[in-house]
């Protein structure tokens, strides 16, 4: 939803899906240039994740993962918005 609010064209699943489905969907939808999965775990919150996949369905690797993490860390707050606009 944050990407859509920022003006990006997005495809959003209408239900909770397993992480591998994002990789599969990105690799098999020509219009997709990347995919993002926000994960939550039954383990401690440190194990929750933000996973990014390239258009080929592969998860990003260093050094790009470090660059993306740095951009996330630079955010100063959460947007105040109505998601159902």
PDB file of N, CA and C in Angstrom:
ATOM      1  N   UNK A   1       0.818  -1.190   0.000  1.00  0.00           N
ATOM      2  CA  UNK A   1       0.000   0.000   0.000  1.00  0.00           C
ATOM      3  C   UNK A   1       0.862   1.255   0.000  1.00  0.00           C
ATOM      4  N   UNK A   2       2.018   1.208   0.647  1.00  0.00           N
ATOM      5  CA  UNK A   2       2.890   2.382   0.690  1.00  0.00           C
ATOM      6  C   UNK A   2       3.423   2.711  -0.700  1.00  0.00           C
ATOM      7  N   UNK A   3       3.730   1.702  -1.497  1.00  0.00           N
ATOM      8  CA  UNK A   3       4.199   1.949  -2.862  1.00  0.00           C
ATOM      9  C   UNK A   3       3.097   2.583  -3.697  1.00  0.00           C
ATOM     10  N   UNK A   4       1.868   2.089  -3.550  1.00  0.00           N
ATOM     11  CA  UNK A   4       0.737   2.658  -4.281  1.00  0.00           C
ATOM     12  C   UNK A   4       0.522   4.113  -3.869  1.00  0.00           C
ATOM     13  N   UNK A   5       0.604   4.389  -2.590  1.00  0.00           N
ATOM     14  CA  UNK A   5       0.436   5.753  -2.100  1.00  0.00           C
ATOM     15  C   UNK A   5       1.525   6.659  -2.656  1.00  0.00           C
ATOM     16  N   UNK A   6       2.716   6.086  -2.890  1.00  0.00           N
ATOM     17  CA  UNK A   6       3.819   6.848  -3.453  1.00  0.00           C
ATOM     18  C   UNK A   6       3.750   7.004  -4.959  1.00  0.00           C
ATOM     19  N   UNK A   7       2.707   6.444  -5.587  1.00  0.00           N
ATOM     20  CA  UNK A   7       2.522   6.616  -7.025  1.00  0.00           C
ATOM     21  C   UNK A   7       2.952   5.456  -7.898  1.00  0.00           C
ATOM     22  N   UNK A   8       3.457   4.388  -7.297  1.00  0.00           N
ATOM     23  CA  UNK A   8       3.888   3.225  -8.088  1.00  0.00           C
ATOM     24  C   UNK A   8       2.682   2.382  -8.477  1.00  0.00           C
ATOM     25  N   UNK A   9       2.777   1.735  -9.615  1.00  0.00           N
ATOM     26  CA  UNK A   9       1.760   0.777 -10.032  1.00  0.00           C
ATOM     27  C   UNK A   9       2.045  -0.526  -9.295  1.00  0.00           C
ATOM     28  N   UNK A  10       1.083  -1.053  -8.562  1.00  0.00           N
ATOM     29  CA  UNK A  10       1.316  -2.240  -7.736  1.00  0.00           C
ATOM     30  C   UNK A  10       0.260  -3.316  -7.965  1.00  0.00           C
ATOM     31  N   UNK A  11       0.667  -4.532  -7.716  1.00  0.00           N
ATOM     32  CA  UNK A  11      -0.241  -5.670  -7.660  1.00  0.00           C
ATOM     33  C   UNK A  11      -0.216  -6.158  -6.219  1.00  0.00           C
ATOM     34  N   UNK A  12      -1.366  -6.237  -5.578  1.00  0.00           N
ATOM     35  CA  UNK A  12      -1.440  -6.642  -4.180  1.00  0.00           C
ATOM     36  C   UNK A  12      -2.305  -7.888  -4.085  1.00  0.00           C
ATOM     37  N   UNK A  13      -1.799  -8.907  -3.423  1.00  0.00           N
ATOM     38  CA  UNK A  13      -2.594 -10.116  -3.203  1.00  0.00           C
ATOM     39  C   UNK A  13      -3.796  -9.757  -2.332  1.00  0.00           C
ATOM     40  N   UNK A  14      -4.918 -10.420  -2.569  1.00  0.00           N
ATOM     41  CA  UNK A  14      -6.114 -10.114  -1.791  1.00  0.00           C
ATOM     42  C   UNK A  14      -6.250 -10.987  -0.549  1.00  0.00           C
ATOM     43  N   UNK A  15      -5.219 -11.769  -0.264  1.00  0.00           N
ATOM     44  CA  UNK A  15      -5.215 -12.603   0.927  1.00  0.00           C
ATOM     45  C   UNK A  15      -3.770 -12.807   1.373  1.00  0.00           C
ATOM     46  N   UNK A  16      -3.581 -13.321   2.558  1.00  0.00           N
ATOM     47  CA  UNK A  16      -2.236 -13.649   3.043  1.00  0.00           C
ATOM     48  C   UNK A  16      -1.698 -14.797   2.198  1.00  0.00           C
ATOM     49  N   UNK A  17      -0.437 -14.683   1.770  1.00  0.00           N
ATOM     50  CA  UNK A  17       0.166 -15.722   0.929  1.00  0.00           C
ATOM     51  C   UNK A  17       1.521 -16.127   1.502  1.00  0.00           C
ATOM     52  N   UNK A  18       1.976 -17.342   1.181  1.00  0.00           N
ATOM     53  CA  UNK A  18       3.305 -17.752   1.636  1.00  0.00           C
ATOM     54  C   UNK A  18       4.384 -16.972   0.883  1.00  0.00           C
ATOM     55  N   UNK A  19       5.495 -16.739   1.543  1.00  0.00           N
ATOM     56  CA  UNK A  19       6.585 -15.954   0.968  1.00  0.00           C
ATOM     57  C   UNK A  19       6.996 -16.415  -0.428  1.00  0.00           C
ATOM     58  N   UNK A  20       7.155 -17.716  -0.695  1.00  0.00           N
ATOM     59  CA  UNK A  20       7.596 -18.124  -2.040  1.00  0.00           C
ATOM     60  C   UNK A  20       6.646 -17.708  -3.170  1.00  0.00           C
ATOM     61  N   UNK A  21       5.382 -17.442  -2.859  1.00  0.00           N
ATOM     62  CA  UNK A  21       4.448 -17.048  -3.907  1.00  0.00           C
ATOM     63  C   UNK A  21       4.808 -15.687  -4.493  1.00  0.00           C
ATOM     64  N   UNK A  22       5.370 -14.801  -3.700  1.00  0.00           N
ATOM     65  CA  UNK A  22       5.778 -13.492  -4.214  1.00  0.00           C
ATOM     66  C   UNK A  22       6.879 -13.665  -5.246  1.00  0.00           C
ATOM     67  N   UNK A  23       7.875 -14.460  -4.933  1.00  0.00           N
ATOM     68  CA  UNK A  23       8.960 -14.730  -5.879  1.00  0.00           C
ATOM     69  C   UNK A  23       8.414 -15.327  -7.171  1.00  0.00           C
ATOM     70  N   UNK A  24       7.526 -16.298  -7.062  1.00  0.00           N
ATOM     71  CA  UNK A  24       6.928 -16.948  -8.232  1.00  0.00           C
ATOM     72  C   UNK A  24       6.125 -15.949  -9.056  1.00  0.00           C
ATOM     73  N   UNK A  25       5.309 -15.143  -8.393  1.00  0.00           N
ATOM     74  CA  UNK A  25       4.469 -14.184  -9.103  1.00  0.00           C
ATOM     75  C   UNK A  25       5.294 -13.142  -9.839  1.00  0.00           C
ATOM     76  N   UNK A  26       6.329 -12.626  -9.185  1.00  0.00           N
ATOM     77  CA  UNK A  26       7.180 -11.613  -9.813  1.00  0.00           C
ATOM     78  C   UNK A  26       7.865 -12.192 -11.050  1.00  0.00           C
ATOM     79  N   UNK A  27       8.364 -13.401 -10.945  1.00  0.00           N
ATOM     80  CA  UNK A  27       9.077 -14.029 -12.062  1.00  0.00           C
ATOM     81  C   UNK A  27       8.150 -14.363 -13.228  1.00  0.00           C
ATOM     82  N   UNK A  28       6.869 -14.511 -12.952  1.00  0.00           N
ATOM     83  CA  UNK A  28       5.938 -14.929 -14.000  1.00  0.00           C
ATOM     84  C   UNK A  28       4.982 -13.839 -14.461  1.00  0.00           C
ATOM     85  N   UNK A  29       5.160 -12.628 -14.001  1.00  0.00           N
ATOM     86  CA  UNK A  29       4.340 -11.497 -14.450  1.00  0.00           C
ATOM     87  C   UNK A  29       5.269 -10.501 -15.124  1.00  0.00           C
ATOM     88  N   UNK A  30       5.257 -10.422 -16.452  1.00  0.00           N
ATOM     89  CA  UNK A  30       6.189  -9.549 -17.178  1.00  0.00           C
ATOM     90  C   UNK A  30       6.150  -8.089 -16.745  1.00  0.00           C
ATOM     91  N   UNK A  31       5.016  -7.624 -16.253  1.00  0.00           N
ATOM     92  CA  UNK A  31       4.914  -6.226 -15.850  1.00  0.00           C
ATOM     93  C   UNK A  31       5.576  -5.947 -14.501  1.00  0.00           C
ATOM     94  N   UNK A  32       5.977  -6.976 -13.781  1.00  0.00           N
ATOM     95  CA  UNK A  32       6.605  -6.788 -12.473  1.00  0.00           C
ATOM     96  C   UNK A  32       8.103  -6.560 -12.612  1.00  0.00           C
ATOM     97  N   UNK A  33       8.595  -5.524 -11.964  1.00  0.00           N
ATOM     98  CA  UNK A  33      10.030  -5.260 -11.954  1.00  0.00           C
ATOM     99  C   UNK A  33      10.650  -5.619 -10.609  1.00  0.00           C
ATOM    100  N   UNK A  34       9.808  -5.792  -9.588  1.00  0.00           N
ATOM    101  CA  UNK A  34      10.290  -6.241  -8.288  1.00  0.00           C
ATOM    102  C   UNK A  34       9.110  -6.680  -7.455  1.00  0.00           C
ATOM    103  N   UNK A  35       9.418  -7.341  -6.364  1.00  0.00           N
ATOM    104  CA  UNK A  35       8.391  -7.767  -5.427  1.00  0.00           C
ATOM    105  C   UNK A  35       8.858  -7.516  -4.010  1.00  0.00           C
ATOM    106  N   UNK A  36       7.912  -7.251  -3.132  1.00  0.00           N
ATOM    107  CA  UNK A  36       8.229  -7.013  -1.729  1.00  0.00           C
ATOM    108  C   UNK A  36       7.314  -7.875  -0.874  1.00  0.00           C
ATOM    109  N   UNK A  37       7.899  -8.537   0.112  1.00  0.00           N
ATOM    110  CA  UNK A  37       7.127  -9.335   1.071  1.00  0.00           C
ATOM    111  C   UNK A  37       7.519  -8.869   2.460  1.00  0.00           C
ATOM    112  N   UNK A  38       6.538  -8.456   3.232  1.00  0.00           N
ATOM    113  CA  UNK A  38       6.767  -8.133   4.636  1.00  0.00           C
ATOM    114  C   UNK A  38       6.350  -9.367   5.413  1.00  0.00           C
ATOM    115  N   UNK A  39       7.286  -9.942   6.140  1.00  0.00           N
ATOM    116  CA  UNK A  39       7.013 -11.186   6.842  1.00  0.00           C
ATOM    117  C   UNK A  39       6.879 -10.944   8.340  1.00  0.00           C
ATOM    118  N   UNK A  40       6.123 -11.803   8.967  1.00  0.00           N
ATOM    119  CA  UNK A  40       5.998 -11.803  10.420  1.00  0.00           C
ATOM    120  C   UNK A  40       6.212 -13.237  10.876  1.00  0.00           C
ATOM    121  N   UNK A  41       6.766 -13.383  12.042  1.00  0.00           N
ATOM    122  CA  UNK A  41       7.150 -14.698  12.511  1.00  0.00           C
ATOM    123  C   UNK A  41       6.560 -14.971  13.890  1.00  0.00           C
ATOM    124  N   UNK A  42       6.435 -16.244  14.195  1.00  0.00           N
ATOM    125  CA  UNK A  42       6.058 -16.615  15.556  1.00  0.00           C
ATOM    126  C   UNK A  42       7.264 -16.487  16.488  1.00  0.00           C
ATOM    127  N   UNK A  43       8.420 -16.234  15.900  1.00  0.00           N
ATOM    128  CA  UNK A  43       9.644 -16.006  16.665  1.00  0.00           C
ATOM    129  C   UNK A  43       9.706 -14.547  17.116  1.00  0.00           C
ATOM    130  N   UNK A  44      10.739 -14.145  17.843  1.00  0.00           N
ATOM    131  CA  UNK A  44      10.865 -12.741  18.271  1.00  0.00           C
ATOM    132  C   UNK A  44      10.846 -11.781  17.080  1.00  0.00           C
ATOM    133  N   UNK A  45      10.458 -10.521  17.343  1.00  0.00           N
ATOM    134  CA  UNK A  45      10.286  -9.530  16.279  1.00  0.00           C
ATOM    135  C   UNK A  45      11.543  -9.300  15.441  1.00  0.00           C
ATOM    136  N   UNK A  46      12.702  -9.593  15.968  1.00  0.00           N
ATOM    137  CA  UNK A  46      13.941  -9.424  15.209  1.00  0.00           C
ATOM    138  C   UNK A  46      13.968 -10.303  13.962  1.00  0.00           C
ATOM    139  N   UNK A  47      13.120 -11.333  13.940  1.00  0.00           N
ATOM    140  CA  UNK A  47      13.101 -12.260  12.813  1.00  0.00           C
ATOM    141  C   UNK A  47      12.043 -11.894  11.769  1.00  0.00           C
ATOM    142  N   UNK A  48      11.277 -10.830  12.030  1.00  0.00           N
ATOM    143  CA  UNK A  48      10.363 -10.342  11.011  1.00  0.00           C
ATOM    144  C   UNK A  48      11.212  -9.746   9.902  1.00  0.00           C
ATOM    145  N   UNK A  49      10.674  -9.706   8.699  1.00  0.00           N
ATOM    146  CA  UNK A  49      11.528  -9.261   7.614  1.00  0.00           C
ATOM    147  C   UNK A  49      10.836  -8.458   6.541  1.00  0.00           C
ATOM    148  N   UNK A  50      11.654  -7.860   5.705  1.00  0.00           N
ATOM    149  CA  UNK A  50      11.244  -7.102   4.531  1.00  0.00           C
ATOM    150  C   UNK A  50      12.070  -7.698   3.406  1.00  0.00           C
ATOM    151  N   UNK A  51      11.439  -8.507   2.580  1.00  0.00           N
ATOM    152  CA  UNK A  51      12.170  -9.224   1.536  1.00  0.00           C
ATOM    153  C   UNK A  51      11.873  -8.598   0.186  1.00  0.00           C
ATOM    154  N   UNK A  52      12.923  -8.378  -0.592  1.00  0.00           N
ATOM    155  CA  UNK A  52      12.796  -7.746  -1.904  1.00  0.00           C
ATOM    156  C   UNK A  52      13.286  -8.722  -2.969  1.00  0.00           C
ATOM    157  N   UNK A  53      12.498  -8.837  -4.036  1.00  0.00           N
ATOM    158  CA  UNK A  53      12.815  -9.753  -5.139  1.00  0.00           C
ATOM    159  C   UNK A  53      12.928  -8.967  -6.438  1.00  0.00           C
ATOM    160  N   UNK A  54      13.923  -9.299  -7.265  1.00  0.00           N
ATOM    161  CA  UNK A  54      14.073  -8.711  -8.596  1.00  0.00           C
ATOM    162  C   UNK A  54      13.050  -9.318  -9.541  1.00  0.00           C
ATOM    163  N   UNK A  55      12.984  -8.798 -10.743  1.00  0.00           N
ATOM    164  CA  UNK A  55      12.016  -9.253 -11.746  1.00  0.00           C
ATOM    165  C   UNK A  55      12.190 -10.735 -12.092  1.00  0.00           C
ATOM    166  N   UNK A  56      13.375 -11.278 -11.868  1.00  0.00           N
ATOM    167  CA  UNK A  56      13.601 -12.697 -12.159  1.00  0.00           C
ATOM    168  C   UNK A  56      13.146 -13.606 -11.011  1.00  0.00           C
ATOM    169  N   UNK A  57      12.614 -13.023  -9.948  1.00  0.00           N
ATOM    170  CA  UNK A  57      12.116 -13.791  -8.810  1.00  0.00           C
ATOM    171  C   UNK A  57      13.155 -14.094  -7.753  1.00  0.00           C
ATOM    172  N   UNK A  58      14.396 -13.692  -7.994  1.00  0.00           N
ATOM    173  CA  UNK A  58      15.469 -13.959  -7.020  1.00  0.00           C
ATOM    174  C   UNK A  58      15.528 -12.844  -5.978  1.00  0.00           C
ATOM    175  N   UNK A  59      15.830 -13.236  -4.752  1.00  0.00           N
ATOM    176  CA  UNK A  59      15.965 -12.264  -3.679  1.00  0.00           C
ATOM    177  C   UNK A  59      17.223 -11.439  -3.911  1.00  0.00           C
ATOM    178  N   UNK A  60      17.161 -10.155  -3.530  1.00  0.00           N
ATOM    179  CA  UNK A  60      18.323  -9.286  -3.716  1.00  0.00           C
ATOM    180  C   UNK A  60      19.489  -9.775  -2.854  1.00  0.00           C
ATOM    181  N   UNK A  61      20.683  -9.392  -3.277  1.00  0.00           N
ATOM    182  CA  UNK A  61      21.904  -9.780  -2.576  1.00  0.00           C
ATOM    183  C   UNK A  61      22.771  -8.540  -2.354  1.00  0.00           C
ATOM    184  N   UNK A  62      23.800  -8.656  -1.512  1.00  0.00           N
ATOM    185  CA  UNK A  62      24.703  -7.522  -1.299  1.00  0.00           C
ATOM    186  C   UNK A  62      25.347  -7.097  -2.623  1.00  0.00           C
ATOM    187  N   UNK A  63      25.614  -5.823  -2.769  1.00  0.00           N
ATOM    188  CA  UNK A  63      25.453  -4.726  -1.818  1.00  0.00           C
ATOM    189  C   UNK A  63      24.087  -4.054  -1.878  1.00  0.00           C
ATOM    190  N   UNK A  64      23.225  -4.467  -2.799  1.00  0.00           N
ATOM    191  CA  UNK A  64      21.930  -3.796  -2.937  1.00  0.00           C
ATOM    192  C   UNK A  64      21.065  -3.917  -1.691  1.00  0.00           C
ATOM    193  N   UNK A  65      21.150  -5.034  -0.985  1.00  0.00           N
ATOM    194  CA  UNK A  65      20.342  -5.181   0.225  1.00  0.00           C
ATOM    195  C   UNK A  65      20.730  -4.145   1.273  1.00  0.00           C
ATOM    196  N   UNK A  66      21.996  -3.824   1.348  1.00  0.00           N
ATOM    197  CA  UNK A  66      22.478  -2.828   2.309  1.00  0.00           C
ATOM    198  C   UNK A  66      21.954  -1.446   1.932  1.00  0.00           C
ATOM    199  N   UNK A  67      21.941  -1.144   0.633  1.00  0.00           N
ATOM    200  CA  UNK A  67      21.431   0.148   0.173  1.00  0.00           C
ATOM    201  C   UNK A  67      19.942   0.303   0.485  1.00  0.00           C
ATOM    202  N   UNK A  68      19.168  -0.739   0.260  1.00  0.00           N
ATOM    203  CA  UNK A  68      17.736  -0.685   0.539  1.00  0.00           C
ATOM    204  C   UNK A  68      17.496  -0.535   2.042  1.00  0.00           C
ATOM    205  N   UNK A  69      18.222  -1.292   2.852  1.00  0.00           N
ATOM    206  CA  UNK A  69      18.074  -1.189   4.308  1.00  0.00           C
ATOM    207  C   UNK A  69      18.419   0.225   4.780  1.00  0.00           C
ATOM    208  N   UNK A  70      19.429   0.848   4.192  1.00  0.00           N
ATOM    209  CA  UNK A  70      19.809   2.209   4.575  1.00  0.00           C
ATOM    210  C   UNK A  70      18.687   3.192   4.239  1.00  0.00           C
ATOM    211  N   UNK A  71      18.030   3.014   3.100  1.00  0.00           N
ATOM    212  CA  UNK A  71      16.914   3.894   2.729  1.00  0.00           C
ATOM    213  C   UNK A  71      15.752   3.745   3.707  1.00  0.00           C
ATOM    214  N   UNK A  72      15.483   2.514   4.120  1.00  0.00           N
ATOM    215  CA  UNK A  72      14.418   2.291   5.097  1.00  0.00           C
ATOM    216  C   UNK A  72      14.768   2.984   6.417  1.00  0.00           C
ATOM    217  N   UNK A  73      16.016   2.846   6.840  1.00  0.00           N
ATOM    218  CA  UNK A  73      16.447   3.452   8.100  1.00  0.00           C
ATOM    219  C   UNK A  73      16.380   4.980   8.069  1.00  0.00           C
ATOM    220  N   UNK A  74      16.453   5.577   6.872  1.00  0.00           N
ATOM    221  CA  UNK A  74      16.402   7.034   6.738  1.00  0.00           C
ATOM    222  C   UNK A  74      14.999   7.601   6.918  1.00  0.00           C
ATOM    223  N   UNK A  75      13.988   6.758   6.876  1.00  0.00           N
ATOM    224  CA  UNK A  75      12.611   7.228   7.036  1.00  0.00           C
ATOM    225  C   UNK A  75      12.400   7.735   8.452  1.00  0.00           C
ATOM    226  N   UNK A  76      11.785   8.889   8.562  1.00  0.00           N
ATOM    227  CA  UNK A  76      11.625   9.508   9.871  1.00  0.00           C
ATOM    228  C   UNK A  76      10.296   9.208  10.538  1.00  0.00           C
ATOM    229  N   UNK A  77       9.381   8.637   9.819  1.00  0.00           N
ATOM    230  CA  UNK A  77       8.090   8.369  10.428  1.00  0.00           C
ATOM    231  C   UNK A  77       7.182   7.644   9.467  1.00  0.00           C
ATOM    232  N   UNK A  78       6.041   7.289   9.963  1.00  0.00           N
ATOM    233  CA  UNK A  78       5.048   6.601   9.154  1.00  0.00           C
ATOM    234  C   UNK A  78       4.118   7.641   8.562  1.00  0.00           C
ATOM    235  N   UNK A  79       3.774   7.455   7.279  1.00  0.00           N
ATOM    236  CA  UNK A  79       2.824   8.375   6.660  1.00  0.00           C
ATOM    237  C   UNK A  79       1.492   8.305   7.374  1.00  0.00           C
ATOM    238  N   UNK A  80       0.893   9.445   7.582  1.00  0.00           N
ATOM    239  CA  UNK A  80      -0.463   9.503   8.102  1.00  0.00           C
ATOM    240  C   UNK A  80      -1.389   9.603   6.900  1.00  0.00           C
ATOM    241  N   UNK A  81      -2.160   8.560   6.670  1.00  0.00           N
ATOM    242  CA  UNK A  81      -3.016   8.546   5.490  1.00  0.00           C
ATOM    243  C   UNK A  81      -4.182   7.594   5.710  1.00  0.00           C
ATOM    244  N   UNK A  82      -5.169   7.738   4.894  1.00  0.00           N
ATOM    245  CA  UNK A  82      -6.286   6.817   4.867  1.00  0.00           C
ATOM    246  C   UNK A  82      -6.023   5.847   3.728  1.00  0.00           C
ATOM    247  N   UNK A  83      -5.818   4.572   4.014  1.00  0.00           N
ATOM    248  CA  UNK A  83      -5.496   3.591   2.975  1.00  0.00           C
ATOM    249  C   UNK A  83      -6.693   3.237   2.100  1.00  0.00           C
ATOM    250  N   UNK A  84      -7.894   3.560   2.560  1.00  0.00           N
ATOM    251  CA  UNK A  84      -9.084   3.212   1.794  1.00  0.00           C
ATOM    252  C   UNK A  84      -9.588   4.364   0.938  1.00  0.00           C
ATOM    253  N   UNK A  85      -8.728   5.326   0.635  1.00  0.00           N
ATOM    254  CA  UNK A  85      -9.140   6.488  -0.173  1.00  0.00           C
ATOM    255  C   UNK A  85      -9.547   6.056  -1.557  1.00  0.00           C
TER     256      UNK A  85
END
